């Protein structure tokens, strides 16, 4: 399969420029006293225009290439560097899940009965899924590096998908009562892109390949995550105080970055490979 090899670099570049724009937006487009968004500020429109433009560029770039490759041919890597990066990102994601559980369990004590069910139904499972997804990323890296993928290994692609879905639910639950849309829109769309990226990643293993869609959504997840998380970090470095994340928000952002590191590694692998086209009528073999 041949795809545009510049897509991983484009995603990183788009995210870094987006982070700069997001930092300026957080610094100038929110009132210091109330944290409310100043609708007349042009930074929000400039950021939105940049993200839409770069998403269109990624869509055009992702159209290149073929679908004629199996899951292992697309995503398997070799060498210590490949295994180390996936193991490191997976273990950090698991550690983030443990940290999230500690924060939520501490916050659970003084809450009223009307609030506790949300934590039990969404936020505690999210922490557990962070741990499960991180360990599965480590396992997938080890299995793919050996090229010995079997049916029992197929289950390891599901916890990262469920983790990404719960991340979206938790982020929406945190912000759904706020009318300050500019405050949380980048994280919501980053979470949506992450869900779809892991969904199309799993589809490859279950015999329903759509690699171009994986490339598009993985690249967008990376770009939007960098825009949101690094944008906040740059804003704080610039002395911004109008917007301040909670401890839970910081942990959630770090977990999203860990998931995107996994996506970036797999995206870089598949866009760097070329496979001969298969004859018509000869489908891509499913993994055993």
C-alpha atoms as a PDB file:
ATOM      1  CA  UNK A   1       0.000   0.000   0.000  1.00  0.00           C
ATOM      2  CA  UNK A   2       1.342   3.401  -0.973  1.00  0.00           C
ATOM      3  CA  UNK A   3       0.143   6.528   0.738  1.00  0.00           C
ATOM      4  CA  UNK A   4       1.491  10.020   0.961  1.00  0.00           C
ATOM      5  CA  UNK A   5       4.581   9.651   3.145  1.00  0.00           C
ATOM      6  CA  UNK A   6       4.341  13.242   4.287  1.00  0.00           C
ATOM      7  CA  UNK A   7       1.063  12.736   6.175  1.00  0.00           C
ATOM      8  CA  UNK A   8       2.641  12.085   9.623  1.00  0.00           C
ATOM      9  CA  UNK A   9       4.838  15.169   9.235  1.00  0.00           C
ATOM     10  CA  UNK A  10       1.866  17.180   7.998  1.00  0.00           C
ATOM     11  CA  UNK A  11      -0.183  16.133  11.031  1.00  0.00           C
ATOM     12  CA  UNK A  12       2.608  17.190  13.404  1.00  0.00           C
ATOM     13  CA  UNK A  13       3.160  20.465  11.562  1.00  0.00           C
ATOM     14  CA  UNK A  14      -0.545  21.256  11.515  1.00  0.00           C
ATOM     15  CA  UNK A  15      -0.788  20.493  15.213  1.00  0.00           C
ATOM     16  CA  UNK A  16       2.168  22.689  16.140  1.00  0.00           C
ATOM     17  CA  UNK A  17       0.865  25.662  14.168  1.00  0.00           C
ATOM     18  CA  UNK A  18      -2.613  25.023  15.538  1.00  0.00           C
ATOM     19  CA  UNK A  19      -1.162  24.954  19.062  1.00  0.00           C
ATOM     20  CA  UNK A  20       0.358  28.373  18.521  1.00  0.00           C
ATOM     21  CA  UNK A  21      -2.955  29.766  17.330  1.00  0.00           C
ATOM     22  CA  UNK A  22      -4.787  28.073  20.204  1.00  0.00           C
ATOM     23  CA  UNK A  23      -2.337  29.558  22.709  1.00  0.00           C
ATOM     24  CA  UNK A  24      -2.964  33.060  21.373  1.00  0.00           C
ATOM     25  CA  UNK A  25      -6.705  32.415  21.449  1.00  0.00           C
ATOM     26  CA  UNK A  26      -6.589  31.288  25.096  1.00  0.00           C
ATOM     27  CA  UNK A  27      -4.410  34.270  25.939  1.00  0.00           C
ATOM     28  CA  UNK A  28      -6.467  37.008  24.270  1.00  0.00           C
ATOM     29  CA  UNK A  29      -9.982  35.717  23.575  1.00  0.00           C
ATOM     30  CA  UNK A  30     -11.108  34.963  27.147  1.00  0.00           C
ATOM     31  CA  UNK A  31     -11.869  37.497  29.862  1.00  0.00           C
ATOM     32  CA  UNK A  32      -9.385  37.265  32.721  1.00  0.00           C
ATOM     33  CA  UNK A  33     -11.969  37.903  35.410  1.00  0.00           C
ATOM     34  CA  UNK A  34     -14.767  35.574  34.250  1.00  0.00           C
ATOM     35  CA  UNK A  35     -13.138  33.234  31.723  1.00  0.00           C
ATOM     36  CA  UNK A  36     -15.937  33.956  29.238  1.00  0.00           C
ATOM     37  CA  UNK A  37     -15.194  33.971  25.525  1.00  0.00           C
ATOM     38  CA  UNK A  38     -14.917  37.298  23.689  1.00  0.00           C
ATOM     39  CA  UNK A  39     -16.826  36.630  20.477  1.00  0.00           C
ATOM     40  CA  UNK A  40     -15.374  39.660  18.663  1.00  0.00           C
ATOM     41  CA  UNK A  41     -11.825  38.306  18.999  1.00  0.00           C
ATOM     42  CA  UNK A  42     -10.537  37.130  15.580  1.00  0.00           C
ATOM     43  CA  UNK A  43      -8.254  34.393  16.966  1.00  0.00           C
ATOM     44  CA  UNK A  44     -11.059  31.851  17.188  1.00  0.00           C
ATOM     45  CA  UNK A  45     -12.033  32.323  13.537  1.00  0.00           C
ATOM     46  CA  UNK A  46      -8.386  32.138  12.489  1.00  0.00           C
ATOM     47  CA  UNK A  47      -7.902  28.883  14.421  1.00  0.00           C
ATOM     48  CA  UNK A  48     -11.079  27.380  12.982  1.00  0.00           C
ATOM     49  CA  UNK A  49     -10.060  28.353   9.452  1.00  0.00           C
ATOM     50  CA  UNK A  50      -6.614  26.799   9.926  1.00  0.00           C
ATOM     51  CA  UNK A  51      -8.005  23.505  11.249  1.00  0.00           C
ATOM     52  CA  UNK A  52     -10.559  23.240   8.433  1.00  0.00           C
ATOM     53  CA  UNK A  53      -7.927  24.041   5.802  1.00  0.00           C
ATOM     54  CA  UNK A  54      -5.503  21.465   7.174  1.00  0.00           C
ATOM     55  CA  UNK A  55      -8.227  18.830   7.469  1.00  0.00           C
ATOM     56  CA  UNK A  56      -8.941  19.367   3.771  1.00  0.00           C
ATOM     57  CA  UNK A  57      -5.225  18.990   2.979  1.00  0.00           C
ATOM     58  CA  UNK A  58      -5.109  15.730   4.939  1.00  0.00           C
ATOM     59  CA  UNK A  59      -8.216  14.472   3.145  1.00  0.00           C
ATOM     60  CA  UNK A  60      -6.573  15.051  -0.235  1.00  0.00           C
ATOM     61  CA  UNK A  61      -3.303  13.470   0.896  1.00  0.00           C
ATOM     62  CA  UNK A  62      -5.070  10.416   2.347  1.00  0.00           C
ATOM     63  CA  UNK A  63      -6.709   9.612  -0.996  1.00  0.00           C
ATOM     64  CA  UNK A  64      -3.415   8.301  -2.378  1.00  0.00           C
ATOM     65  CA  UNK A  65      -2.459   4.636  -2.108  1.00  0.00           C
ATOM     66  CA  UNK A  66      -3.935   1.149  -2.365  1.00  0.00           C
ATOM     67  CA  UNK A  67      -5.941  -1.086  -0.031  1.00  0.00           C
ATOM     68  CA  UNK A  68      -4.196  -4.317  -0.997  1.00  0.00           C
ATOM     69  CA  UNK A  69      -2.467  -5.302   2.243  1.00  0.00           C
ATOM     70  CA  UNK A  70      -3.266  -7.226   5.397  1.00  0.00           C
ATOM     71  CA  UNK A  71      -3.333  -5.882   8.936  1.00  0.00           C
ATOM     72  CA  UNK A  72       0.131  -7.245   9.709  1.00  0.00           C
ATOM     73  CA  UNK A  73       1.615  -5.905   6.491  1.00  0.00           C
ATOM     74  CA  UNK A  74       0.321  -2.438   7.285  1.00  0.00           C
ATOM     75  CA  UNK A  75       0.936  -2.100  11.003  1.00  0.00           C
ATOM     76  CA  UNK A  76       3.655  -4.575  12.026  1.00  0.00           C
ATOM     77  CA  UNK A  77       7.031  -3.129  12.919  1.00  0.00           C
ATOM     78  CA  UNK A  78      10.348  -4.560  13.921  1.00  0.00           C
ATOM     79  CA  UNK A  79      13.266  -3.480  16.036  1.00  0.00           C
ATOM     80  CA  UNK A  80      13.702  -2.252  19.568  1.00  0.00           C
ATOM     81  CA  UNK A  81      12.736   1.331  18.756  1.00  0.00           C
ATOM     82  CA  UNK A  82       9.271   0.305  17.543  1.00  0.00           C
ATOM     83  CA  UNK A  83       8.599  -1.839  20.612  1.00  0.00           C
ATOM     84  CA  UNK A  84      10.026   0.775  22.983  1.00  0.00           C
ATOM     85  CA  UNK A  85       7.856   3.610  21.686  1.00  0.00           C
ATOM     86  CA  UNK A  86       4.660   1.556  21.822  1.00  0.00           C
ATOM     87  CA  UNK A  87       5.547   0.139  25.234  1.00  0.00           C
ATOM     88  CA  UNK A  88       6.414   3.575  26.611  1.00  0.00           C
ATOM     89  CA  UNK A  89       3.205   5.196  25.326  1.00  0.00           C
ATOM     90  CA  UNK A  90       1.102   2.260  26.534  1.00  0.00           C
ATOM     91  CA  UNK A  91       2.600   2.243  30.012  1.00  0.00           C
ATOM     92  CA  UNK A  92       2.183   6.008  30.316  1.00  0.00           C
ATOM     93  CA  UNK A  93      -1.469   5.652  29.303  1.00  0.00           C
ATOM     94  CA  UNK A  94      -1.935   2.970  31.966  1.00  0.00           C
ATOM     95  CA  UNK A  95      -0.223   5.200  34.539  1.00  0.00           C
ATOM     96  CA  UNK A  96      -2.527   8.039  33.515  1.00  0.00           C
ATOM     97  CA  UNK A  97      -5.495   5.759  34.135  1.00  0.00           C
ATOM     98  CA  UNK A  98      -4.239   4.983  37.642  1.00  0.00           C
ATOM     99  CA  UNK A  99      -3.773   8.697  38.299  1.00  0.00           C
ATOM    100  CA  UNK A 100      -7.269   9.417  36.989  1.00  0.00           C
ATOM    101  CA  UNK A 101      -8.776   6.763  39.270  1.00  0.00           C
ATOM    102  CA  UNK A 102      -6.956   8.235  42.259  1.00  0.00           C
ATOM    103  CA  UNK A 103      -8.302  11.719  41.496  1.00  0.00           C
ATOM    104  CA  UNK A 104     -11.853  10.510  40.899  1.00  0.00           C
ATOM    105  CA  UNK A 105     -11.943   8.276  43.965  1.00  0.00           C
ATOM    106  CA  UNK A 106     -10.816  11.234  46.069  1.00  0.00           C
ATOM    107  CA  UNK A 107     -13.486  13.436  44.485  1.00  0.00           C
ATOM    108  CA  UNK A 108     -16.160  10.794  44.959  1.00  0.00           C
ATOM    109  CA  UNK A 109     -16.245  11.040  48.732  1.00  0.00           C
ATOM    110  CA  UNK A 110     -17.879  14.441  49.330  1.00  0.00           C
ATOM    111  CA  UNK A 111     -20.271  14.373  46.351  1.00  0.00           C
ATOM    112  CA  UNK A 112     -24.037  14.172  46.633  1.00  0.00           C
ATOM    113  CA  UNK A 113     -26.068  11.206  45.511  1.00  0.00           C
ATOM    114  CA  UNK A 114     -27.238  13.132  42.434  1.00  0.00           C
ATOM    115  CA  UNK A 115     -23.661  13.421  41.146  1.00  0.00           C
ATOM    116  CA  UNK A 116     -22.099  10.105  42.115  1.00  0.00           C
ATOM    117  CA  UNK A 117     -23.778   7.962  39.401  1.00  0.00           C
ATOM    118  CA  UNK A 118     -22.005   9.927  36.656  1.00  0.00           C
ATOM    119  CA  UNK A 119     -18.625   9.174  38.184  1.00  0.00           C
ATOM    120  CA  UNK A 120     -19.493   5.509  38.669  1.00  0.00           C
ATOM    121  CA  UNK A 121     -20.973   5.098  35.178  1.00  0.00           C
ATOM    122  CA  UNK A 122     -18.409   7.044  33.142  1.00  0.00           C
ATOM    123  CA  UNK A 123     -15.357   8.323  34.936  1.00  0.00           C
ATOM    124  CA  UNK A 124     -14.282   5.273  36.924  1.00  0.00           C
ATOM    125  CA  UNK A 125     -14.685   2.974  33.866  1.00  0.00           C
ATOM    126  CA  UNK A 126     -12.683   5.515  31.872  1.00  0.00           C
ATOM    127  CA  UNK A 127      -9.759   5.142  34.269  1.00  0.00           C
ATOM    128  CA  UNK A 128      -9.968   1.349  34.086  1.00  0.00           C
ATOM    129  CA  UNK A 129     -10.090   1.510  30.287  1.00  0.00           C
ATOM    130  CA  UNK A 130      -6.985   3.732  30.271  1.00  0.00           C
ATOM    131  CA  UNK A 131      -5.134   0.946  32.066  1.00  0.00           C
ATOM    132  CA  UNK A 132      -6.562  -1.785  29.815  1.00  0.00           C
ATOM    133  CA  UNK A 133      -5.900   0.167  26.609  1.00  0.00           C
ATOM    134  CA  UNK A 134      -2.344   0.978  27.645  1.00  0.00           C
ATOM    135  CA  UNK A 135      -1.537  -2.656  28.394  1.00  0.00           C
ATOM    136  CA  UNK A 136      -3.113  -3.743  25.097  1.00  0.00           C
ATOM    137  CA  UNK A 137      -0.953  -1.223  23.217  1.00  0.00           C
ATOM    138  CA  UNK A 138       2.106  -2.772  24.820  1.00  0.00           C
ATOM    139  CA  UNK A 139       0.851  -6.239  23.879  1.00  0.00           C
ATOM    140  CA  UNK A 140       0.055  -5.238  20.306  1.00  0.00           C
ATOM    141  CA  UNK A 141       3.524  -3.806  19.875  1.00  0.00           C
ATOM    142  CA  UNK A 142       5.093  -7.047  21.092  1.00  0.00           C
ATOM    143  CA  UNK A 143       2.858  -9.272  18.954  1.00  0.00           C
ATOM    144  CA  UNK A 144       3.183  -7.197  15.792  1.00  0.00           C
ATOM    145  CA  UNK A 145       6.958  -7.010  16.156  1.00  0.00           C
ATOM    146  CA  UNK A 146       7.036 -10.831  16.051  1.00  0.00           C
ATOM    147  CA  UNK A 147       4.530 -11.037  13.197  1.00  0.00           C
ATOM    148  CA  UNK A 148       2.618 -13.794  14.991  1.00  0.00           C
ATOM    149  CA  UNK A 149      -0.892 -12.335  15.074  1.00  0.00           C
ATOM    150  CA  UNK A 150      -3.604 -14.873  15.942  1.00  0.00           C
ATOM    151  CA  UNK A 151      -7.338 -14.767  16.589  1.00  0.00           C
ATOM    152  CA  UNK A 152      -6.848 -14.377  20.325  1.00  0.00           C
ATOM    153  CA  UNK A 153      -4.798 -11.245  19.705  1.00  0.00           C
ATOM    154  CA  UNK A 154      -7.703  -9.588  17.874  1.00  0.00           C
ATOM    155  CA  UNK A 155      -9.294  -8.663  21.192  1.00  0.00           C
ATOM    156  CA  UNK A 156      -6.389  -6.338  21.983  1.00  0.00           C
ATOM    157  CA  UNK A 157      -7.605  -3.756  19.449  1.00  0.00           C
ATOM    158  CA  UNK A 158     -10.919  -3.320  21.297  1.00  0.00           C
ATOM    159  CA  UNK A 159      -9.878  -1.728  24.654  1.00  0.00           C
ATOM    160  CA  UNK A 160      -8.180   1.230  22.885  1.00  0.00           C
ATOM    161  CA  UNK A 161     -11.402   1.791  20.921  1.00  0.00           C
ATOM    162  CA  UNK A 162     -13.544   1.658  24.051  1.00  0.00           C
ATOM    163  CA  UNK A 163     -11.078   3.917  25.880  1.00  0.00           C
ATOM    164  CA  UNK A 164     -11.300   6.528  23.111  1.00  0.00           C
ATOM    165  CA  UNK A 165     -15.104   6.348  23.164  1.00  0.00           C
ATOM    166  CA  UNK A 166     -15.209   6.824  26.939  1.00  0.00           C
ATOM    167  CA  UNK A 167     -12.766   9.721  26.634  1.00  0.00           C
ATOM    168  CA  UNK A 168     -15.278  11.432  24.362  1.00  0.00           C
ATOM    169  CA  UNK A 169     -18.138  10.715  26.778  1.00  0.00           C
ATOM    170  CA  UNK A 170     -16.202  11.945  29.806  1.00  0.00           C
ATOM    171  CA  UNK A 171     -15.068  15.114  28.024  1.00  0.00           C
ATOM    172  CA  UNK A 172     -18.620  15.854  26.890  1.00  0.00           C
ATOM    173  CA  UNK A 173     -19.977  15.140  30.372  1.00  0.00           C
ATOM    174  CA  UNK A 174     -17.451  17.589  31.853  1.00  0.00           C
ATOM    175  CA  UNK A 175     -18.396  20.405  29.484  1.00  0.00           C
ATOM    176  CA  UNK A 176     -22.037  19.805  28.514  1.00  0.00           C
ATOM    177  CA  UNK A 177     -23.356  22.305  31.058  1.00  0.00           C
ATOM    178  CA  UNK A 178     -21.077  25.085  29.791  1.00  0.00           C
ATOM    179  CA  UNK A 179     -22.106  27.537  27.096  1.00  0.00           C
ATOM    180  CA  UNK A 180     -18.461  28.517  26.566  1.00  0.00           C
ATOM    181  CA  UNK A 181     -18.038  26.434  23.394  1.00  0.00           C
ATOM    182  CA  UNK A 182     -14.640  27.825  22.420  1.00  0.00           C
ATOM    183  CA  UNK A 183     -13.216  26.510  25.681  1.00  0.00           C
ATOM    184  CA  UNK A 184     -13.681  22.806  24.922  1.00  0.00           C
ATOM    185  CA  UNK A 185     -14.436  22.399  21.200  1.00  0.00           C
ATOM    186  CA  UNK A 186     -10.872  21.343  20.210  1.00  0.00           C
ATOM    187  CA  UNK A 187     -10.809  18.539  22.796  1.00  0.00           C
ATOM    188  CA  UNK A 188     -14.234  17.256  21.744  1.00  0.00           C
ATOM    189  CA  UNK A 189     -13.236  17.073  18.090  1.00  0.00           C
ATOM    190  CA  UNK A 190      -9.847  15.555  18.987  1.00  0.00           C
ATOM    191  CA  UNK A 191     -11.693  12.846  20.935  1.00  0.00           C
ATOM    192  CA  UNK A 192     -14.085  12.220  18.028  1.00  0.00           C
ATOM    193  CA  UNK A 193     -11.166  11.843  15.603  1.00  0.00           C
ATOM    194  CA  UNK A 194      -9.404   9.495  18.043  1.00  0.00           C
ATOM    195  CA  UNK A 195     -12.500   7.274  18.306  1.00  0.00           C
ATOM    196  CA  UNK A 196     -12.784   7.020  14.526  1.00  0.00           C
ATOM    197  CA  UNK A 197      -9.045   6.374  14.115  1.00  0.00           C
ATOM    198  CA  UNK A 198      -9.120   3.412  16.508  1.00  0.00           C
ATOM    199  CA  UNK A 199     -12.370   2.216  14.931  1.00  0.00           C
ATOM    200  CA  UNK A 200     -10.805   2.034  11.469  1.00  0.00           C
ATOM    201  CA  UNK A 201      -7.672   0.511  12.987  1.00  0.00           C
ATOM    202  CA  UNK A 202      -9.801  -2.308  14.421  1.00  0.00           C
ATOM    203  CA  UNK A 203     -11.747  -2.716  11.168  1.00  0.00           C
ATOM    204  CA  UNK A 204      -8.557  -3.703   9.368  1.00  0.00           C
ATOM    205  CA  UNK A 205      -8.136  -6.692  11.658  1.00  0.00           C
ATOM    206  CA  UNK A 206     -11.773  -7.739  11.359  1.00  0.00           C
ATOM    207  CA  UNK A 207     -11.727  -8.012   7.577  1.00  0.00           C
ATOM    208  CA  UNK A 208     -13.325  -4.666   6.673  1.00  0.00           C
ATOM    209  CA  UNK A 209     -10.373  -2.556   5.535  1.00  0.00           C
ATOM    210  CA  UNK A 210     -10.650   1.194   5.083  1.00  0.00           C
ATOM    211  CA  UNK A 211      -7.011   2.306   5.405  1.00  0.00           C
ATOM    212  CA  UNK A 212      -7.530   5.711   3.821  1.00  0.00           C
ATOM    213  CA  UNK A 213     -10.094   6.549   6.472  1.00  0.00           C
ATOM    214  CA  UNK A 214      -7.702   5.380   9.178  1.00  0.00           C
ATOM    215  CA  UNK A 215      -5.016   7.653   7.754  1.00  0.00           C
ATOM    216  CA  UNK A 216      -7.369  10.631   7.615  1.00  0.00           C
ATOM    217  CA  UNK A 217      -8.775  10.254  11.124  1.00  0.00           C
ATOM    218  CA  UNK A 218      -5.464   9.308  12.758  1.00  0.00           C
ATOM    219  CA  UNK A 219      -3.774  12.355  11.249  1.00  0.00           C
ATOM    220  CA  UNK A 220      -6.635  14.587  12.393  1.00  0.00           C
ATOM    221  CA  UNK A 221      -6.554  13.092  15.891  1.00  0.00           C
ATOM    222  CA  UNK A 222      -2.840  13.897  16.138  1.00  0.00           C
ATOM    223  CA  UNK A 223      -3.292  17.422  14.777  1.00  0.00           C
ATOM    224  CA  UNK A 224      -6.271  18.280  17.009  1.00  0.00           C
ATOM    225  CA  UNK A 225      -4.712  16.764  20.124  1.00  0.00           C
ATOM    226  CA  UNK A 226      -1.519  18.756  19.672  1.00  0.00           C
ATOM    227  CA  UNK A 227      -3.565  21.877  18.996  1.00  0.00           C
ATOM    228  CA  UNK A 228      -5.502  21.497  22.223  1.00  0.00           C
ATOM    229  CA  UNK A 229      -2.888  20.179  24.665  1.00  0.00           C
ATOM    230  CA  UNK A 230       0.184  22.030  23.446  1.00  0.00           C
ATOM    231  CA  UNK A 231      -1.945  25.117  22.907  1.00  0.00           C
ATOM    232  CA  UNK A 232      -2.822  25.129  26.593  1.00  0.00           C
ATOM    233  CA  UNK A 233       0.805  24.463  27.563  1.00  0.00           C
ATOM    234  CA  UNK A 234       2.045  27.321  25.355  1.00  0.00           C
ATOM    235  CA  UNK A 235      -0.632  29.587  26.803  1.00  0.00           C
ATOM    236  CA  UNK A 236       0.551  28.876  30.339  1.00  0.00           C
ATOM    237  CA  UNK A 237       4.165  29.478  29.307  1.00  0.00           C
ATOM    238  CA  UNK A 238       3.064  32.854  27.902  1.00  0.00           C
ATOM    239  CA  UNK A 239       1.516  33.787  31.249  1.00  0.00           C
ATOM    240  CA  UNK A 240      -2.111  33.074  30.417  1.00  0.00           C
ATOM    241  CA  UNK A 241      -4.380  32.694  33.440  1.00  0.00           C
ATOM    242  CA  UNK A 242      -7.884  33.195  32.036  1.00  0.00           C
ATOM    243  CA  UNK A 243      -8.241  29.464  31.317  1.00  0.00           C
ATOM    244  CA  UNK A 244      -6.994  26.933  33.867  1.00  0.00           C
ATOM    245  CA  UNK A 245      -7.414  23.186  33.550  1.00  0.00           C
ATOM    246  CA  UNK A 246      -8.245  20.966  36.482  1.00  0.00           C
ATOM    247  CA  UNK A 247      -5.970  18.084  37.468  1.00  0.00           C
ATOM    248  CA  UNK A 248      -8.387  15.700  35.769  1.00  0.00           C
ATOM    249  CA  UNK A 249      -8.247  17.704  32.527  1.00  0.00           C
ATOM    250  CA  UNK A 250      -4.443  17.574  32.517  1.00  0.00           C
ATOM    251  CA  UNK A 251      -4.452  13.796  33.089  1.00  0.00           C
ATOM    252  CA  UNK A 252      -7.056  13.325  30.368  1.00  0.00           C
ATOM    253  CA  UNK A 253      -4.991  15.392  27.925  1.00  0.00           C
ATOM    254  CA  UNK A 254      -1.850  13.368  28.707  1.00  0.00           C
ATOM    255  CA  UNK A 255      -3.767  10.135  28.121  1.00  0.00           C
ATOM    256  CA  UNK A 256      -4.961  11.440  24.752  1.00  0.00           C
ATOM    257  CA  UNK A 257      -1.391  12.288  23.776  1.00  0.00           C
ATOM    258  CA  UNK A 258      -0.297   8.728  24.653  1.00  0.00           C
ATOM    259  CA  UNK A 259      -3.022   7.311  22.431  1.00  0.00           C
ATOM    260  CA  UNK A 260      -1.964   9.606  19.610  1.00  0.00           C
ATOM    261  CA  UNK A 261       1.662   8.471  19.933  1.00  0.00           C
ATOM    262  CA  UNK A 262       0.452   4.948  19.180  1.00  0.00           C
ATOM    263  CA  UNK A 263      -1.535   6.239  16.192  1.00  0.00           C
ATOM    264  CA  UNK A 264       1.454   8.243  14.946  1.00  0.00           C
ATOM    265  CA  UNK A 265       3.736   5.189  15.007  1.00  0.00           C
ATOM    266  CA  UNK A 266       1.250   3.054  13.083  1.00  0.00           C
ATOM    267  CA  UNK A 267       0.486   5.912  10.698  1.00  0.00           C
ATOM    268  CA  UNK A 268       4.184   6.356   9.991  1.00  0.00           C
ATOM    269  CA  UNK A 269       4.590   2.632   9.299  1.00  0.00           C
ATOM    270  CA  UNK A 270       1.733   2.294   6.852  1.00  0.00           C
ATOM    271  CA  UNK A 271       2.475   5.473   4.930  1.00  0.00           C
ATOM    272  CA  UNK A 272       6.111   4.435   4.427  1.00  0.00           C
ATOM    273  CA  UNK A 273       5.310   1.114   2.752  1.00  0.00           C
ATOM    274  CA  UNK A 274       4.582   0.112  -0.834  1.00  0.00           C
ATOM    275  CA  UNK A 275       2.715  -3.062  -1.737  1.00  0.00           C
ATOM    276  CA  UNK A 276       2.028  -4.515  -5.182  1.00  0.00           C
ATOM    277  CA  UNK A 277      -1.587  -4.478  -6.284  1.00  0.00           C
ATOM    278  CA  UNK A 278      -3.380  -7.808  -5.924  1.00  0.00           C
ATOM    279  CA  UNK A 279      -5.253  -9.307  -8.884  1.00  0.00           C
ATOM    280  CA  UNK A 280      -8.966  -8.510  -9.066  1.00  0.00           C
ATOM    281  CA  UNK A 281     -11.063 -10.999  -7.163  1.00  0.00           C
ATOM    282  CA  UNK A 282      -8.237 -11.799  -4.748  1.00  0.00           C
ATOM    283  CA  UNK A 283      -9.334 -10.208  -1.463  1.00  0.00           C
ATOM    284  CA  UNK A 284      -7.074  -9.120   1.354  1.00  0.00           C
ATOM    285  CA  UNK A 285      -6.542 -12.166   3.579  1.00  0.00           C
ATOM    286  CA  UNK A 286      -7.935 -11.925   7.071  1.00  0.00           C
ATOM    287  CA  UNK A 287      -5.630 -12.479  10.021  1.00  0.00           C
ATOM    288  CA  UNK A 288      -5.669 -15.946  11.469  1.00  0.00           C
END
